[in-house]
N, C-alpha and C. Protein backbone atom coordinates (compact mmCIF):
# COMPACT_ATOMS: atom_id res chain seq x y z
N MET A 1 0.85 -1.19 0.00
CA MET A 1 0.00 0.00 0.00
C MET A 1 0.89 1.24 0.00
N ALA A 2 0.62 2.17 -0.95
CA ALA A 2 1.41 3.39 -1.05
C ALA A 2 1.25 4.21 0.22
N ARG A 3 2.33 4.90 0.66
CA ARG A 3 2.30 5.72 1.87
C ARG A 3 1.48 6.96 1.63
N HIS A 4 0.65 7.32 2.62
CA HIS A 4 -0.21 8.51 2.50
C HIS A 4 0.65 9.75 2.68
N THR A 5 0.55 10.67 1.75
CA THR A 5 1.27 11.94 1.82
C THR A 5 0.29 13.07 1.69
N SER A 6 0.75 14.28 1.99
CA SER A 6 -0.11 15.45 1.90
C SER A 6 -0.54 15.68 0.47
N GLY A 7 -1.78 16.08 0.31
CA GLY A 7 -2.29 16.35 -1.03
C GLY A 7 -3.02 15.17 -1.62
N VAL A 8 -2.92 13.98 -0.99
CA VAL A 8 -3.63 12.79 -1.47
C VAL A 8 -4.68 12.45 -0.44
N PRO A 9 -5.97 12.41 -0.80
CA PRO A 9 -7.04 12.14 0.17
C PRO A 9 -6.84 10.79 0.81
N PRO A 10 -7.38 10.59 2.02
CA PRO A 10 -7.25 9.30 2.73
C PRO A 10 -7.87 8.18 1.94
N ARG A 11 -7.38 6.95 2.20
CA ARG A 11 -7.93 5.78 1.52
C ARG A 11 -9.41 5.65 1.83
N GLY A 12 -10.20 5.23 0.80
CA GLY A 12 -11.63 5.04 1.00
C GLY A 12 -12.44 6.11 0.32
N GLU A 13 -11.87 7.35 0.11
CA GLU A 13 -12.59 8.37 -0.63
C GLU A 13 -12.49 8.07 -2.12
N ALA A 14 -13.57 8.33 -2.84
CA ALA A 14 -13.64 7.97 -4.26
C ALA A 14 -12.51 8.60 -5.05
N THR A 15 -12.21 9.89 -4.76
CA THR A 15 -11.16 10.56 -5.52
C THR A 15 -9.82 9.94 -5.25
N GLY A 16 -9.60 9.45 -4.02
CA GLY A 16 -8.33 8.81 -3.70
C GLY A 16 -8.16 7.52 -4.45
N ILE A 17 -9.25 6.75 -4.62
CA ILE A 17 -9.17 5.50 -5.37
C ILE A 17 -8.83 5.77 -6.82
N ARG A 18 -9.45 6.80 -7.40
CA ARG A 18 -9.13 7.14 -8.79
C ARG A 18 -7.68 7.58 -8.91
N SER A 19 -7.18 8.34 -7.94
CA SER A 19 -5.81 8.81 -8.01
C SER A 19 -4.82 7.66 -7.98
N ALA A 20 -5.17 6.62 -7.22
CA ALA A 20 -4.26 5.49 -7.10
C ALA A 20 -4.01 4.81 -8.42
N PHE A 21 -4.93 4.90 -9.37
CA PHE A 21 -4.76 4.25 -10.67
C PHE A 21 -4.36 5.23 -11.76
N ARG A 22 -4.58 6.52 -11.54
CA ARG A 22 -4.26 7.51 -12.57
C ARG A 22 -2.95 8.23 -12.31
N GLY A 23 -2.56 8.32 -11.04
CA GLY A 23 -1.40 9.15 -10.70
C GLY A 23 -0.11 8.58 -11.21
N SER A 24 0.97 9.34 -11.02
CA SER A 24 2.30 8.91 -11.44
C SER A 24 3.18 8.82 -10.21
N GLY A 25 4.43 8.44 -10.39
CA GLY A 25 5.38 8.43 -9.29
C GLY A 25 5.09 7.28 -8.34
N GLN A 26 4.52 7.60 -7.16
CA GLN A 26 4.34 6.60 -6.13
C GLN A 26 3.37 5.51 -6.52
N PHE A 27 2.57 5.71 -7.57
CA PHE A 27 1.60 4.70 -7.99
C PHE A 27 2.08 3.95 -9.24
N GLY A 28 3.32 4.12 -9.63
CA GLY A 28 3.83 3.46 -10.82
C GLY A 28 3.77 1.94 -10.72
N THR A 29 3.98 1.43 -9.51
CA THR A 29 3.96 -0.02 -9.33
C THR A 29 2.60 -0.60 -9.67
N ARG A 30 1.53 0.11 -9.34
CA ARG A 30 0.19 -0.38 -9.66
C ARG A 30 0.00 -0.50 -11.16
N ARG A 31 0.50 0.47 -11.92
CA ARG A 31 0.34 0.40 -13.37
C ARG A 31 1.10 -0.78 -13.94
N SER A 32 2.30 -1.04 -13.38
CA SER A 32 3.09 -2.16 -13.88
C SER A 32 2.36 -3.48 -13.62
N TRP A 33 1.73 -3.61 -12.44
CA TRP A 33 1.01 -4.84 -12.13
C TRP A 33 -0.16 -5.06 -13.09
N THR A 34 -0.88 -3.96 -13.39
CA THR A 34 -2.00 -4.06 -14.33
C THR A 34 -1.51 -4.54 -15.68
N GLY A 35 -0.36 -4.02 -16.11
CA GLY A 35 0.20 -4.43 -17.40
C GLY A 35 0.53 -5.91 -17.42
N ARG A 36 1.10 -6.42 -16.32
CA ARG A 36 1.43 -7.84 -16.28
C ARG A 36 0.17 -8.70 -16.32
N SER A 37 -0.89 -8.22 -15.66
CA SER A 37 -2.14 -8.97 -15.66
C SER A 37 -2.70 -9.09 -17.07
N ARG A 38 -2.64 -7.97 -17.82
CA ARG A 38 -3.15 -8.01 -19.19
C ARG A 38 -2.31 -8.92 -20.05
N THR A 39 -1.00 -8.91 -19.83
CA THR A 39 -0.13 -9.81 -20.59
C THR A 39 -0.48 -11.26 -20.29
N GLY A 40 -0.74 -11.55 -18.99
CA GLY A 40 -1.11 -12.90 -18.61
C GLY A 40 -2.41 -13.33 -19.26
N GLU A 41 -3.37 -12.40 -19.33
CA GLU A 41 -4.65 -12.72 -19.97
C GLU A 41 -4.45 -13.01 -21.45
N GLY A 42 -3.56 -12.22 -22.08
CA GLY A 42 -3.29 -12.44 -23.50
C GLY A 42 -2.64 -13.79 -23.74
N THR A 43 -1.71 -14.17 -22.86
CA THR A 43 -1.04 -15.47 -22.99
C THR A 43 -2.04 -16.61 -22.81
N ALA A 44 -2.94 -16.47 -21.82
CA ALA A 44 -3.95 -17.50 -21.60
C ALA A 44 -4.88 -17.63 -22.80
N SER A 45 -5.23 -16.49 -23.40
CA SER A 45 -6.10 -16.52 -24.57
C SER A 45 -5.42 -17.21 -25.75
N GLN A 46 -4.14 -16.93 -25.93
CA GLN A 46 -3.39 -17.56 -27.02
C GLN A 46 -3.29 -19.07 -26.79
N ALA A 47 -3.09 -19.47 -25.53
CA ALA A 47 -3.00 -20.90 -25.21
C ALA A 47 -4.33 -21.59 -25.49
N ALA A 48 -5.43 -20.92 -25.13
CA ALA A 48 -6.76 -21.50 -25.39
C ALA A 48 -7.01 -21.65 -26.88
N GLN A 49 -6.59 -20.65 -27.66
CA GLN A 49 -6.78 -20.71 -29.10
C GLN A 49 -5.94 -21.83 -29.71
N ALA A 50 -4.70 -21.99 -29.20
CA ALA A 50 -3.84 -23.07 -29.70
C ALA A 50 -4.43 -24.43 -29.36
N ASN A 51 -5.01 -24.53 -28.15
CA ASN A 51 -5.61 -25.80 -27.75
C ASN A 51 -6.83 -26.11 -28.60
N GLU A 52 -7.62 -25.09 -28.88
CA GLU A 52 -8.80 -25.28 -29.74
C GLU A 52 -8.39 -25.73 -31.13
N ALA A 53 -7.32 -25.10 -31.66
CA ALA A 53 -6.84 -25.48 -32.99
C ALA A 53 -6.34 -26.92 -33.00
N PHE A 54 -5.66 -27.31 -31.92
CA PHE A 54 -5.15 -28.69 -31.82
C PHE A 54 -6.29 -29.70 -31.88
N PHE A 55 -7.36 -29.46 -31.10
CA PHE A 55 -8.46 -30.42 -31.06
C PHE A 55 -9.33 -30.36 -32.31
N SER A 56 -9.29 -29.25 -33.02
CA SER A 56 -10.05 -29.19 -34.27
C SER A 56 -9.44 -30.11 -35.32
N ARG A 57 -8.18 -30.49 -35.12
CA ARG A 57 -7.52 -31.41 -36.07
C ARG A 57 -7.67 -32.88 -35.66
N GLN A 58 -8.30 -33.12 -34.50
CA GLN A 58 -8.48 -34.49 -34.01
C GLN A 58 -9.79 -35.07 -34.55
N PRO A 59 -9.92 -36.39 -34.53
CA PRO A 59 -11.18 -37.03 -34.94
C PRO A 59 -12.35 -36.52 -34.10
N PRO A 60 -13.54 -36.51 -34.63
CA PRO A 60 -14.71 -36.01 -33.91
C PRO A 60 -14.90 -36.68 -32.56
N GLY A 61 -15.27 -35.89 -31.57
CA GLY A 61 -15.54 -36.42 -30.25
C GLY A 61 -14.34 -36.54 -29.34
N THR A 62 -13.15 -36.22 -29.83
CA THR A 62 -11.94 -36.34 -29.01
C THR A 62 -11.93 -35.28 -27.91
N ILE A 63 -11.78 -35.72 -26.65
CA ILE A 63 -11.75 -34.77 -25.54
C ILE A 63 -10.42 -34.76 -24.80
N ALA A 64 -9.54 -35.73 -25.09
CA ALA A 64 -8.23 -35.77 -24.44
C ALA A 64 -7.27 -36.57 -25.31
N VAL A 65 -6.03 -36.12 -25.34
CA VAL A 65 -4.99 -36.81 -26.12
C VAL A 65 -3.75 -36.95 -25.24
N ARG A 66 -3.26 -38.18 -25.09
CA ARG A 66 -2.05 -38.41 -24.30
C ARG A 66 -0.83 -38.14 -25.16
N ASN A 67 0.32 -37.95 -24.53
CA ASN A 67 1.52 -37.59 -25.28
C ASN A 67 2.01 -38.68 -26.23
N ASP A 68 1.48 -39.90 -26.09
CA ASP A 68 1.86 -40.98 -27.02
C ASP A 68 0.83 -41.16 -28.13
N GLY A 69 -0.16 -40.26 -28.20
CA GLY A 69 -1.15 -40.31 -29.28
C GLY A 69 -2.44 -41.02 -28.94
N VAL A 70 -2.53 -41.65 -27.76
CA VAL A 70 -3.78 -42.29 -27.35
C VAL A 70 -4.85 -41.21 -27.13
N ARG A 71 -6.08 -41.48 -27.62
CA ARG A 71 -7.16 -40.50 -27.55
C ARG A 71 -8.32 -41.03 -26.72
N LEU A 72 -9.00 -40.10 -26.04
CA LEU A 72 -10.24 -40.42 -25.35
C LEU A 72 -11.37 -39.72 -26.10
N VAL A 73 -12.38 -40.51 -26.48
CA VAL A 73 -13.44 -40.00 -27.35
C VAL A 73 -14.80 -40.14 -26.67
N VAL A 74 -15.62 -39.10 -26.81
CA VAL A 74 -16.99 -39.12 -26.32
C VAL A 74 -17.92 -39.46 -27.47
N PRO A 75 -18.69 -40.53 -27.35
CA PRO A 75 -19.69 -40.81 -28.39
C PRO A 75 -20.89 -39.90 -28.22
N GLY A 76 -21.50 -39.52 -29.30
CA GLY A 76 -22.70 -38.69 -29.18
C GLY A 76 -22.39 -37.23 -28.91
N THR A 77 -23.21 -36.59 -28.08
CA THR A 77 -23.14 -35.15 -27.84
C THR A 77 -21.99 -34.80 -26.91
N LEU A 78 -21.13 -33.88 -27.34
CA LEU A 78 -20.03 -33.41 -26.51
C LEU A 78 -20.57 -32.55 -25.37
N GLY A 79 -19.96 -32.70 -24.19
CA GLY A 79 -20.29 -31.84 -23.08
C GLY A 79 -21.60 -32.12 -22.40
N ASN A 80 -22.18 -33.29 -22.62
CA ASN A 80 -23.46 -33.65 -22.00
C ASN A 80 -23.26 -34.89 -21.13
N PRO A 81 -23.04 -34.71 -19.82
CA PRO A 81 -22.79 -35.87 -18.95
C PRO A 81 -23.89 -36.92 -19.01
N GLY A 82 -25.14 -36.48 -19.15
CA GLY A 82 -26.25 -37.42 -19.16
C GLY A 82 -26.23 -38.38 -20.33
N ALA A 83 -25.51 -38.01 -21.40
CA ALA A 83 -25.46 -38.88 -22.58
C ALA A 83 -24.73 -40.19 -22.29
N LEU A 84 -23.94 -40.22 -21.21
CA LEU A 84 -23.21 -41.44 -20.86
C LEU A 84 -24.00 -42.34 -19.93
N ASN A 85 -25.20 -41.95 -19.58
CA ASN A 85 -26.02 -42.72 -18.65
C ASN A 85 -26.82 -43.77 -19.42
N GLY A 86 -26.11 -44.76 -19.90
CA GLY A 86 -26.74 -45.79 -20.71
C GLY A 86 -25.70 -46.68 -21.33
N SER A 87 -25.84 -46.99 -22.61
CA SER A 87 -24.91 -47.89 -23.28
C SER A 87 -23.69 -47.17 -23.84
N GLU A 88 -23.71 -45.83 -23.87
CA GLU A 88 -22.59 -45.07 -24.41
C GLU A 88 -21.47 -44.97 -23.38
N ASN A 89 -20.22 -45.05 -23.87
CA ASN A 89 -19.07 -44.99 -22.97
C ASN A 89 -17.98 -44.08 -23.54
N LEU A 90 -17.16 -43.55 -22.65
CA LEU A 90 -15.93 -42.87 -23.07
C LEU A 90 -14.98 -43.94 -23.59
N GLU A 91 -14.46 -43.76 -24.83
CA GLU A 91 -13.68 -44.81 -25.47
C GLU A 91 -12.26 -44.34 -25.78
N PHE A 92 -11.31 -45.27 -25.67
CA PHE A 92 -9.91 -45.01 -25.97
C PHE A 92 -9.53 -45.59 -27.34
N PHE A 93 -8.70 -44.84 -28.06
CA PHE A 93 -8.16 -45.29 -29.35
C PHE A 93 -6.69 -44.90 -29.42
N ASP A 94 -5.90 -45.73 -30.10
CA ASP A 94 -4.51 -45.33 -30.32
C ASP A 94 -4.43 -44.43 -31.55
N GLY A 95 -3.22 -44.04 -31.91
CA GLY A 95 -3.04 -43.11 -33.01
C GLY A 95 -3.49 -43.65 -34.35
N ASP A 96 -3.58 -44.97 -34.48
CA ASP A 96 -4.03 -45.59 -35.73
C ASP A 96 -5.53 -45.86 -35.74
N GLY A 97 -6.20 -45.51 -34.65
CA GLY A 97 -7.64 -45.73 -34.59
C GLY A 97 -8.06 -47.07 -34.02
N THR A 98 -7.11 -47.84 -33.49
CA THR A 98 -7.44 -49.13 -32.88
C THR A 98 -8.05 -48.92 -31.50
N ALA A 99 -9.18 -49.59 -31.24
CA ALA A 99 -9.85 -49.45 -29.95
C ALA A 99 -9.01 -50.05 -28.83
N LEU A 100 -8.92 -49.33 -27.71
CA LEU A 100 -8.13 -49.77 -26.56
C LEU A 100 -8.97 -50.00 -25.31
N GLY A 101 -10.28 -50.00 -25.46
CA GLY A 101 -11.14 -50.18 -24.31
C GLY A 101 -11.93 -48.92 -24.00
N HIS A 102 -12.61 -48.93 -22.86
CA HIS A 102 -13.47 -47.79 -22.55
C HIS A 102 -13.61 -47.58 -21.04
N ILE A 103 -14.23 -46.46 -20.66
CA ILE A 103 -14.57 -46.17 -19.27
C ILE A 103 -16.08 -46.32 -19.14
N GLU A 104 -16.50 -47.17 -18.23
CA GLU A 104 -17.93 -47.38 -18.00
C GLU A 104 -18.36 -46.58 -16.77
N ILE A 105 -19.34 -45.71 -16.95
CA ILE A 105 -19.86 -44.89 -15.86
C ILE A 105 -21.34 -45.23 -15.68
N LEU A 106 -21.71 -45.59 -14.47
CA LEU A 106 -23.08 -46.04 -14.21
C LEU A 106 -23.81 -45.06 -13.27
N GLY A 107 -25.11 -44.94 -13.50
CA GLY A 107 -25.96 -44.21 -12.58
C GLY A 107 -25.76 -42.72 -12.54
N ILE A 108 -25.50 -42.10 -13.68
CA ILE A 108 -25.30 -40.64 -13.71
C ILE A 108 -26.64 -39.93 -13.51
N THR A 109 -26.65 -38.99 -12.57
CA THR A 109 -27.78 -38.10 -12.36
C THR A 109 -27.25 -36.68 -12.35
N ASP A 110 -27.74 -35.84 -13.24
CA ASP A 110 -27.24 -34.48 -13.36
C ASP A 110 -28.40 -33.50 -13.15
N THR A 111 -28.42 -32.84 -12.00
CA THR A 111 -29.46 -31.87 -11.67
C THR A 111 -28.81 -30.51 -11.45
N PRO A 112 -29.59 -29.45 -11.34
CA PRO A 112 -29.00 -28.12 -11.08
C PRO A 112 -28.19 -28.05 -9.79
N LEU A 113 -28.49 -28.92 -8.82
CA LEU A 113 -27.78 -28.87 -7.54
C LEU A 113 -26.64 -29.88 -7.44
N THR A 114 -26.87 -31.08 -7.97
CA THR A 114 -25.88 -32.14 -7.78
C THR A 114 -25.72 -32.99 -9.03
N CYS A 115 -24.46 -33.28 -9.35
CA CYS A 115 -24.14 -34.28 -10.37
C CYS A 115 -23.59 -35.48 -9.62
N SER A 116 -24.18 -36.65 -9.83
CA SER A 116 -23.75 -37.82 -9.08
C SER A 116 -23.67 -39.03 -9.99
N LEU A 117 -22.96 -40.05 -9.52
CA LEU A 117 -22.87 -41.30 -10.26
C LEU A 117 -22.71 -42.44 -9.28
N PHE A 118 -22.89 -43.64 -9.79
CA PHE A 118 -22.85 -44.82 -8.94
C PHE A 118 -21.52 -45.55 -9.02
N ALA A 119 -20.92 -45.61 -10.20
CA ALA A 119 -19.68 -46.38 -10.35
C ALA A 119 -18.89 -45.91 -11.57
N ILE A 120 -17.57 -46.05 -11.47
CA ILE A 120 -16.65 -45.82 -12.59
C ILE A 120 -15.81 -47.08 -12.74
N SER A 121 -15.85 -47.69 -13.91
CA SER A 121 -15.10 -48.93 -14.16
C SER A 121 -14.13 -48.74 -15.31
N ASN A 122 -12.91 -49.17 -15.10
CA ASN A 122 -11.89 -49.09 -16.14
C ASN A 122 -11.91 -50.37 -16.96
N MET A 123 -12.42 -50.29 -18.17
CA MET A 123 -12.48 -51.44 -19.07
C MET A 123 -11.37 -51.35 -20.11
N SER A 124 -10.21 -50.89 -19.67
CA SER A 124 -9.04 -50.76 -20.54
C SER A 124 -7.79 -50.99 -19.69
N LYS A 125 -6.64 -50.87 -20.32
CA LYS A 125 -5.38 -50.95 -19.59
C LYS A 125 -4.75 -49.57 -19.40
N ILE A 126 -5.53 -48.52 -19.66
CA ILE A 126 -5.06 -47.15 -19.52
C ILE A 126 -5.07 -46.76 -18.05
N ARG A 127 -4.04 -46.09 -17.58
CA ARG A 127 -3.97 -45.65 -16.19
C ARG A 127 -4.64 -44.28 -16.02
N GLY A 128 -5.15 -44.03 -14.82
CA GLY A 128 -5.70 -42.72 -14.50
C GLY A 128 -7.07 -42.44 -15.07
N VAL A 129 -7.84 -43.48 -15.40
CA VAL A 129 -9.13 -43.23 -16.06
C VAL A 129 -10.14 -42.57 -15.12
N THR A 130 -10.03 -42.82 -13.82
CA THR A 130 -10.95 -42.18 -12.88
C THR A 130 -10.83 -40.67 -12.97
N TYR A 131 -9.62 -40.18 -13.07
CA TYR A 131 -9.40 -38.74 -13.15
C TYR A 131 -9.98 -38.16 -14.44
N LEU A 132 -9.84 -38.89 -15.54
CA LEU A 132 -10.41 -38.44 -16.81
C LEU A 132 -11.94 -38.38 -16.74
N ALA A 133 -12.54 -39.42 -16.19
CA ALA A 133 -14.00 -39.46 -16.09
C ALA A 133 -14.53 -38.34 -15.20
N VAL A 134 -13.89 -38.15 -14.04
CA VAL A 134 -14.33 -37.11 -13.12
C VAL A 134 -14.12 -35.73 -13.72
N TRP A 135 -12.98 -35.53 -14.40
CA TRP A 135 -12.76 -34.23 -15.05
C TRP A 135 -13.85 -33.94 -16.07
N TYR A 136 -14.17 -34.91 -16.91
CA TYR A 136 -15.17 -34.67 -17.95
C TYR A 136 -16.53 -34.34 -17.34
N LEU A 137 -16.95 -35.10 -16.35
CA LEU A 137 -18.27 -34.89 -15.75
C LEU A 137 -18.34 -33.55 -15.02
N THR A 138 -17.33 -33.25 -14.22
CA THR A 138 -17.36 -31.99 -13.47
C THR A 138 -17.16 -30.78 -14.37
N ARG A 139 -16.47 -30.97 -15.47
CA ARG A 139 -16.24 -29.86 -16.40
C ARG A 139 -17.52 -29.45 -17.12
N HIS A 140 -18.45 -30.38 -17.27
CA HIS A 140 -19.61 -30.12 -18.11
C HIS A 140 -20.94 -30.29 -17.38
N THR A 141 -20.92 -30.07 -16.09
CA THR A 141 -22.17 -29.99 -15.34
C THR A 141 -22.29 -28.60 -14.74
N ALA A 142 -23.52 -28.14 -14.56
CA ALA A 142 -23.76 -26.85 -13.92
C ALA A 142 -23.98 -27.01 -12.42
N ALA A 143 -24.01 -28.25 -11.94
CA ALA A 143 -24.26 -28.51 -10.52
C ALA A 143 -23.09 -28.02 -9.66
N GLN A 144 -23.40 -27.55 -8.47
CA GLN A 144 -22.37 -27.05 -7.56
C GLN A 144 -21.70 -28.16 -6.78
N SER A 145 -22.39 -29.29 -6.62
CA SER A 145 -21.84 -30.40 -5.86
C SER A 145 -21.68 -31.63 -6.74
N PHE A 146 -20.60 -32.37 -6.52
CA PHE A 146 -20.34 -33.61 -7.27
C PHE A 146 -20.25 -34.76 -6.27
N GLU A 147 -21.00 -35.84 -6.52
CA GLU A 147 -21.04 -36.97 -5.60
C GLU A 147 -20.80 -38.28 -6.33
N VAL A 148 -20.15 -39.21 -5.63
CA VAL A 148 -20.01 -40.58 -6.10
C VAL A 148 -20.56 -41.48 -5.01
N HIS A 149 -21.48 -42.37 -5.36
CA HIS A 149 -22.19 -43.20 -4.38
C HIS A 149 -21.61 -44.61 -4.29
N SER A 150 -21.81 -45.22 -3.14
CA SER A 150 -21.39 -46.62 -2.88
C SER A 150 -19.91 -46.83 -3.21
N VAL A 151 -19.08 -45.98 -2.66
CA VAL A 151 -17.65 -46.00 -2.94
C VAL A 151 -16.93 -47.03 -2.06
N LYS A 152 -16.05 -47.80 -2.66
CA LYS A 152 -15.21 -48.73 -1.89
C LYS A 152 -13.97 -47.96 -1.41
N PRO A 153 -13.79 -47.87 -0.10
CA PRO A 153 -12.71 -47.03 0.45
C PRO A 153 -11.32 -47.37 -0.05
N ALA A 154 -11.02 -48.64 -0.21
CA ALA A 154 -9.65 -49.04 -0.55
C ALA A 154 -9.29 -48.83 -2.02
N THR A 155 -10.27 -48.64 -2.86
CA THR A 155 -9.99 -48.49 -4.30
C THR A 155 -10.40 -47.11 -4.79
N LEU A 156 -11.65 -46.96 -5.19
CA LEU A 156 -12.10 -45.68 -5.72
C LEU A 156 -12.04 -44.57 -4.67
N GLY A 157 -12.33 -44.92 -3.42
CA GLY A 157 -12.29 -43.92 -2.36
C GLY A 157 -10.92 -43.28 -2.22
N ARG A 158 -9.89 -44.07 -2.35
CA ARG A 158 -8.52 -43.55 -2.25
C ARG A 158 -8.22 -42.54 -3.36
N LEU A 159 -8.71 -42.83 -4.56
CA LEU A 159 -8.48 -41.92 -5.69
C LEU A 159 -9.28 -40.63 -5.54
N LEU A 160 -10.53 -40.75 -5.09
CA LEU A 160 -11.38 -39.57 -4.96
C LEU A 160 -10.88 -38.63 -3.86
N ARG A 161 -10.28 -39.19 -2.82
CA ARG A 161 -9.70 -38.34 -1.77
C ARG A 161 -8.60 -37.46 -2.33
N ARG A 162 -7.88 -37.95 -3.32
CA ARG A 162 -6.83 -37.16 -3.95
C ARG A 162 -7.40 -35.96 -4.72
N LEU A 163 -8.69 -36.02 -5.00
CA LEU A 163 -9.37 -34.92 -5.70
C LEU A 163 -10.08 -33.99 -4.72
N GLY A 164 -9.86 -34.21 -3.44
CA GLY A 164 -10.46 -33.34 -2.44
C GLY A 164 -11.86 -33.74 -2.01
N MET A 165 -12.33 -34.90 -2.46
CA MET A 165 -13.67 -35.35 -2.08
C MET A 165 -13.63 -35.97 -0.68
N ARG A 166 -14.74 -35.83 0.05
CA ARG A 166 -14.81 -36.30 1.43
C ARG A 166 -16.02 -37.21 1.64
N TRP A 167 -15.94 -38.05 2.66
CA TRP A 167 -17.03 -38.96 2.96
C TRP A 167 -18.23 -38.20 3.49
N MET A 168 -19.42 -38.58 3.04
CA MET A 168 -20.65 -38.02 3.56
C MET A 168 -21.06 -38.82 4.79
N ALA A 169 -21.52 -38.14 5.81
CA ALA A 169 -21.80 -38.77 7.10
C ALA A 169 -22.74 -39.96 6.97
N ALA A 170 -22.36 -41.06 7.66
CA ALA A 170 -23.18 -42.27 7.77
C ALA A 170 -23.53 -42.91 6.43
N THR A 171 -22.68 -42.72 5.42
CA THR A 171 -22.91 -43.32 4.10
C THR A 171 -21.60 -43.84 3.53
N ASN A 172 -21.70 -44.52 2.39
CA ASN A 172 -20.51 -44.89 1.61
C ASN A 172 -20.35 -43.96 0.41
N ASN A 173 -20.92 -42.78 0.52
CA ASN A 173 -20.87 -41.80 -0.57
C ASN A 173 -19.80 -40.75 -0.29
N MET A 174 -19.26 -40.18 -1.37
CA MET A 174 -18.27 -39.11 -1.25
C MET A 174 -18.75 -37.91 -2.05
N ALA A 175 -18.39 -36.72 -1.58
CA ALA A 175 -18.85 -35.49 -2.23
C ALA A 175 -17.76 -34.43 -2.21
N GLY A 176 -17.89 -33.48 -3.12
CA GLY A 176 -16.97 -32.36 -3.18
C GLY A 176 -17.58 -31.22 -3.95
N VAL A 177 -16.98 -30.05 -3.82
CA VAL A 177 -17.41 -28.88 -4.60
C VAL A 177 -17.00 -29.10 -6.05
N THR A 178 -17.92 -29.00 -6.95
CA THR A 178 -17.68 -29.37 -8.35
C THR A 178 -16.45 -28.67 -8.94
N ALA A 179 -16.36 -27.35 -8.79
CA ALA A 179 -15.26 -26.60 -9.39
C ALA A 179 -13.92 -27.04 -8.82
N GLU A 180 -13.87 -27.31 -7.51
CA GLU A 180 -12.62 -27.73 -6.88
C GLU A 180 -12.22 -29.14 -7.32
N VAL A 181 -13.20 -30.03 -7.41
CA VAL A 181 -12.92 -31.40 -7.86
C VAL A 181 -12.45 -31.39 -9.30
N CYS A 182 -13.08 -30.54 -10.12
CA CYS A 182 -12.69 -30.44 -11.53
C CYS A 182 -11.24 -29.98 -11.67
N ALA A 183 -10.86 -28.95 -10.90
CA ALA A 183 -9.50 -28.43 -10.98
C ALA A 183 -8.48 -29.49 -10.55
N ALA A 184 -8.80 -30.23 -9.49
CA ALA A 184 -7.90 -31.28 -9.02
C ALA A 184 -7.80 -32.42 -10.03
N ALA A 185 -8.93 -32.79 -10.63
CA ALA A 185 -8.92 -33.86 -11.64
C ALA A 185 -8.12 -33.43 -12.86
N ARG A 186 -8.24 -32.16 -13.25
CA ARG A 186 -7.47 -31.67 -14.39
C ARG A 186 -5.98 -31.79 -14.13
N ARG A 187 -5.55 -31.41 -12.93
CA ARG A 187 -4.13 -31.52 -12.60
C ARG A 187 -3.66 -32.97 -12.63
N LYS A 188 -4.49 -33.88 -12.14
CA LYS A 188 -4.12 -35.30 -12.16
C LYS A 188 -4.01 -35.83 -13.59
N CYS A 189 -4.95 -35.43 -14.44
CA CYS A 189 -4.89 -35.84 -15.85
C CYS A 189 -3.61 -35.33 -16.51
N GLN A 190 -3.29 -34.09 -16.25
CA GLN A 190 -2.09 -33.52 -16.84
C GLN A 190 -0.83 -34.21 -16.32
N SER A 191 -0.85 -34.65 -15.06
CA SER A 191 0.31 -35.37 -14.52
C SER A 191 0.48 -36.73 -15.19
N HIS A 192 -0.60 -37.24 -15.78
CA HIS A 192 -0.54 -38.48 -16.55
C HIS A 192 -0.34 -38.20 -18.04
N HIS A 193 0.05 -36.98 -18.35
CA HIS A 193 0.44 -36.57 -19.72
C HIS A 193 -0.73 -36.49 -20.69
N TRP A 194 -1.90 -36.11 -20.18
CA TRP A 194 -3.06 -35.91 -21.05
C TRP A 194 -3.23 -34.43 -21.38
N ARG A 195 -3.48 -34.15 -22.64
CA ARG A 195 -3.87 -32.81 -23.07
C ARG A 195 -5.39 -32.79 -23.18
N LEU A 196 -6.03 -31.87 -22.49
CA LEU A 196 -7.48 -31.86 -22.36
C LEU A 196 -8.15 -30.83 -23.24
N ARG A 197 -9.29 -31.23 -23.78
CA ARG A 197 -10.11 -30.29 -24.55
C ARG A 197 -10.92 -29.47 -23.55
N ASP A 198 -10.27 -28.45 -23.00
CA ASP A 198 -10.78 -27.79 -21.81
C ASP A 198 -11.25 -26.36 -22.05
N ASP A 199 -11.12 -25.86 -23.25
CA ASP A 199 -11.54 -24.49 -23.53
C ASP A 199 -13.00 -24.47 -23.94
N LEU A 200 -13.78 -23.58 -23.34
CA LEU A 200 -15.22 -23.52 -23.63
C LEU A 200 -15.51 -23.37 -25.11
N ALA A 201 -14.68 -22.57 -25.80
CA ALA A 201 -14.93 -22.32 -27.23
C ALA A 201 -14.84 -23.61 -28.04
N SER A 202 -14.09 -24.59 -27.53
CA SER A 202 -13.94 -25.85 -28.26
C SER A 202 -15.22 -26.66 -28.30
N TRP A 203 -16.19 -26.32 -27.45
CA TRP A 203 -17.39 -27.14 -27.36
C TRP A 203 -18.54 -26.54 -28.18
N SER A 204 -18.26 -25.44 -28.86
CA SER A 204 -19.35 -24.82 -29.65
C SER A 204 -19.53 -25.56 -30.96
């Protein structure tokens, strides 16, 4: 906080707030910070555009690509968690288009308040599929809470705890704040060398 000197109104007065952003000399640091913020926003925008361009060159439905070329594909409508509540599954393919298995998600319920599911099963030899499934569901639901029901503590429960999810009292269910779980799942996916179709513009 800049030191108060004579001629500058006390903090909290409207004119003083305007002076802090318009003045020179003692407020130069504030202008430099604003410039860095805008540069950061520009860099983020360029990264999002590059990511969108990358996925526009992938086969339809691709939502993640690993560094060895393995792809995760959503059948049907992109960005609709409820579309997986049935016979449709998230599917893996190698760079040549050979099927490598799929992720089976059961019991998806997506409401304005809660997105929940009953089970996540890895029907492939790909590692980290729980993180991919959770990232996709939390990324494309409007619900504030994300829940997984009937969780086995030693297996799925251990993975979900790494995403910040906690046990719900007197149940075998786990829950977390959707945005926080999504961010943690994204980091886990990236640690497994997945590039994610994560920019909103990519889903239009």
